[in-house]
Amino acid sequence: GVTGDQLAVDTEEMADAGELDVHLIGDQPGEARV
């Protein structure tokens, strides 16, 4: 989503961080999506 310009996130900050924090927060029905 970020690299396809669908999500507004600073890619230079992503590159500097080198990782993402992914927090599981519950169940959600349906297909994979943002």
PDB file of all heavy atoms in Angstrom:
ATOM      1  N   GLY A   1       0.815  -1.213   0.000  1.00  0.00           N
ATOM      2  CA  GLY A   1       0.000   0.000   0.000  1.00  0.00           C
ATOM      3  C   GLY A   1       0.845   1.257   0.000  1.00  0.00           C
ATOM      4  O   GLY A   1       0.550   2.236  -0.703  1.00  0.00           O
ATOM      5  N   VAL A   2       1.928   1.247   0.768  1.00  0.00           N
ATOM      6  CA  VAL A   2       2.822   2.412   0.832  1.00  0.00           C
ATOM      7  C   VAL A   2       3.562   2.595  -0.485  1.00  0.00           C
ATOM      8  O   VAL A   2       3.594   3.692  -1.050  1.00  0.00           O
ATOM      9  CB  VAL A   2       3.824   2.273   2.006  1.00  0.00           C
ATOM     10  CG1 VAL A   2       4.896   3.350   1.939  1.00  0.00           C
ATOM     11  CG2 VAL A   2       3.100   2.331   3.345  1.00  0.00           C
ATOM     12  N   THR A   3       4.141   1.521  -1.004  1.00  0.00           N
ATOM     13  CA  THR A   3       4.935   1.639  -2.224  1.00  0.00           C
ATOM     14  C   THR A   3       4.058   1.844  -3.457  1.00  0.00           C
ATOM     15  O   THR A   3       4.529   2.332  -4.473  1.00  0.00           O
ATOM     16  CB  THR A   3       5.849   0.412  -2.428  1.00  0.00           C
ATOM     17  OG1 THR A   3       5.051  -0.776  -2.499  1.00  0.00           O
ATOM     18  CG2 THR A   3       6.847   0.290  -1.288  1.00  0.00           C
ATOM     19  N   GLY A   4       2.785   1.509  -3.358  1.00  0.00           N
ATOM     20  CA  GLY A   4       1.850   1.742  -4.450  1.00  0.00           C
ATOM     21  C   GLY A   4       1.114   3.066  -4.313  1.00  0.00           C
ATOM     22  O   GLY A   4       0.145   3.320  -5.016  1.00  0.00           O
ATOM     23  N   ASP A   5       1.571   3.919  -3.392  1.00  0.00           N
ATOM     24  CA  ASP A   5       1.003   5.255  -3.148  1.00  0.00           C
ATOM     25  C   ASP A   5      -0.470   5.225  -2.736  1.00  0.00           C
ATOM     26  O   ASP A   5      -1.205   6.168  -2.985  1.00  0.00           O
ATOM     27  CB  ASP A   5       1.178   6.170  -4.370  1.00  0.00           C
ATOM     28  CG  ASP A   5       2.636   6.534  -4.611  1.00  0.00           C
ATOM     29  OD1 ASP A   5       3.390   6.645  -3.622  1.00  0.00           O
ATOM     30  OD2 ASP A   5       3.018   6.701  -5.774  1.00  0.00           O
ATOM     31  N   GLN A   6      -0.902   4.136  -2.091  1.00  0.00           N
ATOM     32  CA  GLN A   6      -2.261   4.058  -1.575  1.00  0.00           C
ATOM     33  C   GLN A   6      -2.326   4.435  -0.099  1.00  0.00           C
ATOM     34  O   GLN A   6      -3.376   4.813   0.394  1.00  0.00           O
ATOM     35  CB  GLN A   6      -2.820   2.650  -1.783  1.00  0.00           C
ATOM     36  CG  GLN A   6      -2.912   2.295  -3.254  1.00  0.00           C
ATOM     37  CD  GLN A   6      -2.763   0.805  -3.499  1.00  0.00           C
ATOM     38  OE1 GLN A   6      -2.339   0.053  -2.640  1.00  0.00           O
ATOM     39  NE2 GLN A   6      -3.100   0.390  -4.704  1.00  0.00           N
ATOM     40  N   LEU A   7      -1.187   4.325   0.600  1.00  0.00           N
ATOM     41  CA  LEU A   7      -1.102   4.698   2.013  1.00  0.00           C
ATOM     42  C   LEU A   7      -0.033   5.772   2.163  1.00  0.00           C
ATOM     43  O   LEU A   7       1.061   5.637   1.626  1.00  0.00           O
ATOM     44  CB  LEU A   7      -0.725   3.486   2.876  1.00  0.00           C
ATOM     45  CG  LEU A   7      -1.617   2.248   2.761  1.00  0.00           C
ATOM     46  CD1 LEU A   7      -1.082   1.131   3.656  1.00  0.00           C
ATOM     47  CD2 LEU A   7      -3.050   2.581   3.111  1.00  0.00           C
ATOM     48  N   ALA A   8      -0.357   6.837   2.875  1.00  0.00           N
ATOM     49  CA  ALA A   8       0.566   7.962   3.046  1.00  0.00           C
ATOM     50  C   ALA A   8       1.478   7.718   4.253  1.00  0.00           C
ATOM     51  O   ALA A   8       1.122   7.995   5.389  1.00  0.00           O
ATOM     52  CB  ALA A   8      -0.215   9.263   3.224  1.00  0.00           C
ATOM     53  N   VAL A   9       2.650   7.168   3.965  1.00  0.00           N
ATOM     54  CA  VAL A   9       3.650   6.892   4.992  1.00  0.00           C
ATOM     55  C   VAL A   9       5.005   7.299   4.430  1.00  0.00           C
ATOM     56  O   VAL A   9       5.276   7.084   3.249  1.00  0.00           O
ATOM     57  CB  VAL A   9       3.644   5.392   5.389  1.00  0.00           C
ATOM     58  CG1 VAL A   9       4.749   5.085   6.381  1.00  0.00           C
ATOM     59  CG2 VAL A   9       2.291   4.995   5.972  1.00  0.00           C
ATOM     60  N   ASP A  10       5.857   7.882   5.270  1.00  0.00           N
ATOM     61  CA  ASP A  10       7.176   8.345   4.845  1.00  0.00           C
ATOM     62  C   ASP A  10       8.100   7.145   4.608  1.00  0.00           C
ATOM     63  O   ASP A  10       8.491   6.461   5.557  1.00  0.00           O
ATOM     64  CB  ASP A  10       7.750   9.268   5.925  1.00  0.00           C
ATOM     65  CG  ASP A  10       9.038   9.935   5.506  1.00  0.00           C
ATOM     66  OD1 ASP A  10       9.805   9.355   4.723  1.00  0.00           O
ATOM     67  OD2 ASP A  10       9.290  11.053   5.995  1.00  0.00           O
ATOM     68  N   THR A  11       8.450   6.902   3.359  1.00  0.00           N
ATOM     69  CA  THR A  11       9.282   5.747   3.028  1.00  0.00           C
ATOM     70  C   THR A  11      10.717   5.894   3.529  1.00  0.00           C
ATOM     71  O   THR A  11      11.373   4.892   3.804  1.00  0.00           O
ATOM     72  CB  THR A  11       9.284   5.473   1.516  1.00  0.00           C
ATOM     73  OG1 THR A  11       9.673   6.655   0.820  1.00  0.00           O
ATOM     74  CG2 THR A  11       7.908   5.020   1.043  1.00  0.00           C
ATOM     75  N   GLU A  12      11.189   7.123   3.670  1.00  0.00           N
ATOM     76  CA  GLU A  12      12.540   7.303   4.215  1.00  0.00           C
ATOM     77  C   GLU A  12      12.571   6.908   5.689  1.00  0.00           C
ATOM     78  O   GLU A  12      13.545   6.309   6.152  1.00  0.00           O
ATOM     79  CB  GLU A  12      13.019   8.734   4.011  1.00  0.00           C
ATOM     80  CG  GLU A  12      13.324   9.024   2.547  1.00  0.00           C
ATOM     81  CD  GLU A  12      13.886  10.414   2.318  1.00  0.00           C
ATOM     82  OE1 GLU A  12      14.392  11.036   3.270  1.00  0.00           O
ATOM     83  OE2 GLU A  12      13.826  10.872   1.163  1.00  0.00           O
ATOM     84  N   GLU A  13      11.502   7.212   6.430  1.00  0.00           N
ATOM     85  CA  GLU A  13      11.423   6.756   7.817  1.00  0.00           C
ATOM     86  C   GLU A  13      11.348   5.229   7.878  1.00  0.00           C
ATOM     87  O   GLU A  13      11.956   4.617   8.752  1.00  0.00           O
ATOM     88  CB  GLU A  13      10.202   7.350   8.528  1.00  0.00           C
ATOM     89  CG  GLU A  13      10.383   8.766   8.971  1.00  0.00           C
ATOM     90  CD  GLU A  13       9.266   9.251   9.880  1.00  0.00           C
ATOM     91  OE1 GLU A  13       8.203   8.610   9.980  1.00  0.00           O
ATOM     92  OE2 GLU A  13       9.479  10.294  10.512  1.00  0.00           O
ATOM     93  N   MET A  14      10.620   4.644   6.935  1.00  0.00           N
ATOM     94  CA  MET A  14      10.554   3.182   6.885  1.00  0.00           C
ATOM     95  C   MET A  14      11.939   2.602   6.646  1.00  0.00           C
ATOM     96  O   MET A  14      12.346   1.648   7.315  1.00  0.00           O
ATOM     97  CB  MET A  14       9.601   2.713   5.782  1.00  0.00           C
ATOM     98  CG  MET A  14       8.144   2.861   6.117  1.00  0.00           C
ATOM     99  SD  MET A  14       7.044   2.372   4.759  1.00  0.00           S
ATOM    100  CE  MET A  14       7.363   0.622   4.617  1.00  0.00           C
ATOM    101  N   ALA A  15      12.664   3.176   5.695  1.00  0.00           N
ATOM    102  CA  ALA A  15      14.012   2.686   5.378  1.00  0.00           C
ATOM    103  C   ALA A  15      14.928   2.832   6.587  1.00  0.00           C
ATOM    104  O   ALA A  15      15.704   1.918   6.895  1.00  0.00           O
ATOM    105  CB  ALA A  15      14.576   3.429   4.176  1.00  0.00           C
ATOM    106  N   ASP A  16      14.850   3.962   7.277  1.00  0.00           N
ATOM    107  CA  ASP A  16      15.688   4.174   8.466  1.00  0.00           C
ATOM    108  C   ASP A  16      15.360   3.174   9.569  1.00  0.00           C
ATOM    109  O   ASP A  16      16.253   2.672  10.242  1.00  0.00           O
ATOM    110  CB  ASP A  16      15.521   5.599   8.999  1.00  0.00           C
ATOM    111  CG  ASP A  16      16.151   6.651   8.096  1.00  0.00           C
ATOM    112  OD1 ASP A  16      16.968   6.274   7.217  1.00  0.00           O
ATOM    113  OD2 ASP A  16      15.819   7.835   8.249  1.00  0.00           O
ATOM    114  N   ALA A  17      14.060   2.888   9.755  1.00  0.00           N
ATOM    115  CA  ALA A  17      13.647   1.947  10.800  1.00  0.00           C
ATOM    116  C   ALA A  17      14.044   0.516  10.437  1.00  0.00           C
ATOM    117  O   ALA A  17      14.440  -0.262  11.296  1.00  0.00           O
ATOM    118  CB  ALA A  17      12.140   2.037  11.026  1.00  0.00           C
ATOM    119  N   GLY A  18      13.895   0.168   9.156  1.00  0.00           N
ATOM    120  CA  GLY A  18      14.256  -1.169   8.714  1.00  0.00           C
ATOM    121  C   GLY A  18      13.290  -2.257   9.141  1.00  0.00           C
ATOM    122  O   GLY A  18      13.521  -3.434   8.880  1.00  0.00           O
ATOM    123  N   GLU A  19      12.217  -1.874   9.828  1.00  0.00           N
ATOM    124  CA  GLU A  19      11.236  -2.852  10.289  1.00  0.00           C
ATOM    125  C   GLU A  19       9.900  -2.173  10.539  1.00  0.00           C
ATOM    126  O   GLU A  19       9.813  -0.940  10.543  1.00  0.00           O
ATOM    127  CB  GLU A  19      11.704  -3.537  11.575  1.00  0.00           C
ATOM    128  CG  GLU A  19      11.843  -2.588  12.751  1.00  0.00           C
ATOM    129  CD  GLU A  19      12.511  -3.216  13.961  1.00  0.00           C
ATOM    130  OE1 GLU A  19      13.216  -4.231  13.803  1.00  0.00           O
ATOM    131  OE2 GLU A  19      12.337  -2.686  15.062  1.00  0.00           O
ATOM    132  N   LEU A  20       8.885  -2.975  10.728  1.00  0.00           N
ATOM    133  CA  LEU A  20       7.557  -2.485  11.063  1.00  0.00           C
ATOM    134  C   LEU A  20       7.107  -3.144  12.356  1.00  0.00           C
ATOM    135  O   LEU A  20       7.447  -4.302  12.614  1.00  0.00           O
ATOM    136  CB  LEU A  20       6.557  -2.833   9.957  1.00  0.00           C
ATOM    137  CG  LEU A  20       6.818  -2.238   8.582  1.00  0.00           C
ATOM    138  CD1 LEU A  20       5.866  -2.846   7.561  1.00  0.00           C
ATOM    139  CD2 LEU A  20       6.662  -0.722   8.615  1.00  0.00           C
ATOM    140  N   ASP A  21       6.365  -2.428  13.175  1.00  0.00           N
ATOM    141  CA  ASP A  21       5.730  -3.022  14.341  1.00  0.00           C
ATOM    142  C   ASP A  21       4.343  -3.478  13.921  1.00  0.00           C
ATOM    143  O   ASP A  21       3.560  -2.688  13.380  1.00  0.00           O
ATOM    144  CB  ASP A  21       5.604  -2.013  15.483  1.00  0.00           C
ATOM    145  CG  ASP A  21       6.926  -1.739  16.176  1.00  0.00           C
ATOM    146  OD1 ASP A  21       7.837  -2.580  16.071  1.00  0.00           O
ATOM    147  OD2 ASP A  21       7.038  -0.690  16.831  1.00  0.00           O
ATOM    148  N   VAL A  22       4.054  -4.745  14.134  1.00  0.00           N
ATOM    149  CA  VAL A  22       2.779  -5.327  13.752  1.00  0.00           C
ATOM    150  C   VAL A  22       2.113  -5.849  15.025  1.00  0.00           C
ATOM    151  O   VAL A  22       2.617  -6.770  15.659  1.00  0.00           O
ATOM    152  CB  VAL A  22       2.969  -6.464  12.725  1.00  0.00           C
ATOM    153  CG1 VAL A  22       1.629  -7.015  12.285  1.00  0.00           C
ATOM    154  CG2 VAL A  22       3.761  -5.968  11.511  1.00  0.00           C
ATOM    155  N   HIS A  23       1.003  -5.215  15.403  1.00  0.00           N
ATOM    156  CA  HIS A  23       0.306  -5.548  16.640  1.00  0.00           C
ATOM    157  C   HIS A  23      -0.981  -6.307  16.331  1.00  0.00           C
ATOM    158  O   HIS A  23      -1.855  -5.777  15.642  1.00  0.00           O
ATOM    159  CB  HIS A  23      -0.054  -4.280  17.423  1.00  0.00           C
ATOM    160  CG  HIS A  23       1.096  -3.373  17.662  1.00  0.00           C
ATOM    161  ND1 HIS A  23       2.059  -3.612  18.603  1.00  0.00           N
ATOM    162  CD2 HIS A  23       1.467  -2.215  17.051  1.00  0.00           C
ATOM    163  CE1 HIS A  23       2.959  -2.649  18.589  1.00  0.00           C
ATOM    164  NE2 HIS A  23       2.620  -1.784  17.643  1.00  0.00           N
ATOM    165  N   LEU A  24      -1.087  -7.524  16.842  1.00  0.00           N
ATOM    166  CA  LEU A  24      -2.323  -8.285  16.724  1.00  0.00           C
ATOM    167  C   LEU A  24      -3.317  -7.688  17.712  1.00  0.00           C
ATOM    168  O   LEU A  24      -3.030  -7.598  18.910  1.00  0.00           O
ATOM    169  CB  LEU A  24      -2.085  -9.758  17.050  1.00  0.00           C
ATOM    170  CG  LEU A  24      -3.326 -10.646  17.146  1.00  0.00           C
ATOM    171  CD1 LEU A  24      -4.064 -10.706  15.814  1.00  0.00           C
ATOM    172  CD2 LEU A  24      -2.944 -12.039  17.611  1.00  0.00           C
ATOM    173  N   ILE A  25      -4.484  -7.264  17.212  1.00  0.00           N
ATOM    174  CA  ILE A  25      -5.452  -6.627  18.113  1.00  0.00           C
ATOM    175  C   ILE A  25      -6.816  -7.299  18.118  1.00  0.00           C
ATOM    176  O   ILE A  25      -7.710  -6.852  18.814  1.00  0.00           O
ATOM    177  CB  ILE A  25      -5.593  -5.117  17.827  1.00  0.00           C
ATOM    178  CG1 ILE A  25      -5.958  -4.850  16.384  1.00  0.00           C
ATOM    179  CG2 ILE A  25      -4.317  -4.387  18.187  1.00  0.00           C
ATOM    180  CD1 ILE A  25      -6.187  -3.384  16.064  1.00  0.00           C
ATOM    181  N   GLY A  26      -6.983  -8.380  17.368  1.00  0.00           N
ATOM    182  CA  GLY A  26      -8.244  -9.103  17.432  1.00  0.00           C
ATOM    183  C   GLY A  26      -8.555  -9.855  16.162  1.00  0.00           C
ATOM    184  O   GLY A  26      -7.731  -9.969  15.262  1.00  0.00           O
ATOM    185  N   ASP A  27      -9.773 -10.392  16.125  1.00  0.00           N
ATOM    186  CA  ASP A  27     -10.267 -11.109  14.947  1.00  0.00           C
ATOM    187  C   ASP A  27     -11.043 -10.149  14.065  1.00  0.00           C
ATOM    188  O   ASP A  27     -11.635  -9.192  14.546  1.00  0.00           O
ATOM    189  CB  ASP A  27     -11.203 -12.243  15.360  1.00  0.00           C
ATOM    190  CG  ASP A  27     -10.495 -13.298  16.188  1.00  0.00           C
ATOM    191  OD1 ASP A  27      -9.318 -13.571  15.917  1.00  0.00           O
ATOM    192  OD2 ASP A  27     -11.120 -13.842  17.122  1.00  0.00           O
ATOM    193  N   GLN A  28     -11.057 -10.435  12.766  1.00  0.00           N
ATOM    194  CA  GLN A  28     -11.833  -9.616  11.832  1.00  0.00           C
ATOM    195  C   GLN A  28     -12.262 -10.504  10.671  1.00  0.00           C
ATOM    196  O   GLN A  28     -11.425 -11.163  10.056  1.00  0.00           O
ATOM    197  CB  GLN A  28     -10.998  -8.444  11.319  1.00  0.00           C
ATOM    198  CG  GLN A  28     -11.750  -7.450  10.484  1.00  0.00           C
ATOM    199  CD  GLN A  28     -12.732  -6.608  11.284  1.00  0.00           C
ATOM    200  OE1 GLN A  28     -12.617  -6.493  12.490  1.00  0.00           O
ATOM    201  NE2 GLN A  28     -13.712  -6.051  10.616  1.00  0.00           N
ATOM    202  N   PRO A  29     -13.543 -10.535  10.376  1.00  0.00           N
ATOM    203  CA  PRO A  29     -14.002 -11.371   9.267  1.00  0.00           C
ATOM    204  C   PRO A  29     -13.658 -10.766   7.911  1.00  0.00           C
ATOM    205  O   PRO A  29     -13.348  -9.590   7.808  1.00  0.00           O
ATOM    206  CB  PRO A  29     -15.524 -11.406   9.474  1.00  0.00           C
ATOM    207  CG  PRO A  29     -15.839 -10.140  10.202  1.00  0.00           C
ATOM    208  CD  PRO A  29     -14.636  -9.852  11.061  1.00  0.00           C
ATOM    209  N   GLY A  30     -13.720 -11.595   6.893  1.00  0.00           N
ATOM    210  CA  GLY A  30     -13.536 -11.113   5.524  1.00  0.00           C
ATOM    211  C   GLY A  30     -12.178 -11.436   4.958  1.00  0.00           C
ATOM    212  O   GLY A  30     -11.380 -12.135   5.557  1.00  0.00           O
ATOM    213  N   GLU A  31     -11.931 -10.888   3.779  1.00  0.00           N
ATOM    214  CA  GLU A  31     -10.683 -11.131   3.055  1.00  0.00           C
ATOM    215  C   GLU A  31      -9.572 -10.215   3.548  1.00  0.00           C
ATOM    216  O   GLU A  31      -9.828  -9.206   4.201  1.00  0.00           O
ATOM    217  CB  GLU A  31     -10.910 -10.893   1.563  1.00  0.00           C
ATOM    218  CG  GLU A  31     -11.901 -11.854   0.947  1.00  0.00           C
ATOM    219  CD  GLU A  31     -12.067 -11.633  -0.540  1.00  0.00           C
ATOM    220  OE1 GLU A  31     -11.191 -10.997  -1.157  1.00  0.00           O
ATOM    221  OE2 GLU A  31     -13.071 -12.104  -1.079  1.00  0.00           O
ATOM    222  N   ALA A  32      -8.335 -10.554   3.181  1.00  0.00           N
ATOM    223  CA  ALA A  32      -7.184  -9.733   3.535  1.00  0.00           C
ATOM    224  C   ALA A  32      -7.305  -8.366   2.875  1.00  0.00           C
ATOM    225  O   ALA A  32      -7.647  -8.268   1.696  1.00  0.00           O
ATOM    226  CB  ALA A  32      -5.896 -10.423   3.099  1.00  0.00           C
ATOM    227  N   ARG A  33      -7.036  -7.302   3.645  1.00  0.00           N
ATOM    228  CA  ARG A  33      -7.173  -5.947   3.122  1.00  0.00           C
ATOM    229  C   ARG A  33      -6.622  -4.942   4.125  1.00  0.00           C
ATOM    230  O   ARG A  33      -6.436  -5.249   5.291  1.00  0.00           O
ATOM    231  CB  ARG A  33      -8.638  -5.624   2.838  1.00  0.00           C
ATOM    232  CG  ARG A  33      -9.498  -5.606   4.103  1.00  0.00           C
ATOM    233  CD  ARG A  33     -10.973  -5.815   3.785  1.00  0.00           C
ATOM    234  NE  ARG A  33     -11.829  -5.805   4.955  1.00  0.00           N
ATOM    235  CZ  ARG A  33     -12.024  -6.824   5.767  1.00  0.00           C
ATOM    236  NH1 ARG A  33     -11.369  -7.954   5.590  1.00  0.00           N
ATOM    237  NH2 ARG A  33     -12.859  -6.732   6.787  1.00  0.00           N
ATOM    238  N   VAL A  34      -6.407  -3.717   3.648  1.00  0.00           N
ATOM    239  CA  VAL A  34      -6.069  -2.586   4.504  1.00  0.00           C
ATOM    240  C   VAL A  34      -7.359  -1.793   4.701  1.00  0.00           C
ATOM    241  O   VAL A  34      -8.058  -1.496   3.733  1.00  0.00           O
ATOM    242  CB  VAL A  34      -4.990  -1.688   3.868  1.00  0.00           C
ATOM    243  CG1 VAL A  34      -4.747  -0.448   4.725  1.00  0.00           C
ATOM    244  CG2 VAL A  34      -3.697  -2.457   3.670  1.00  0.00           C
TER     245      VAL A  34
END
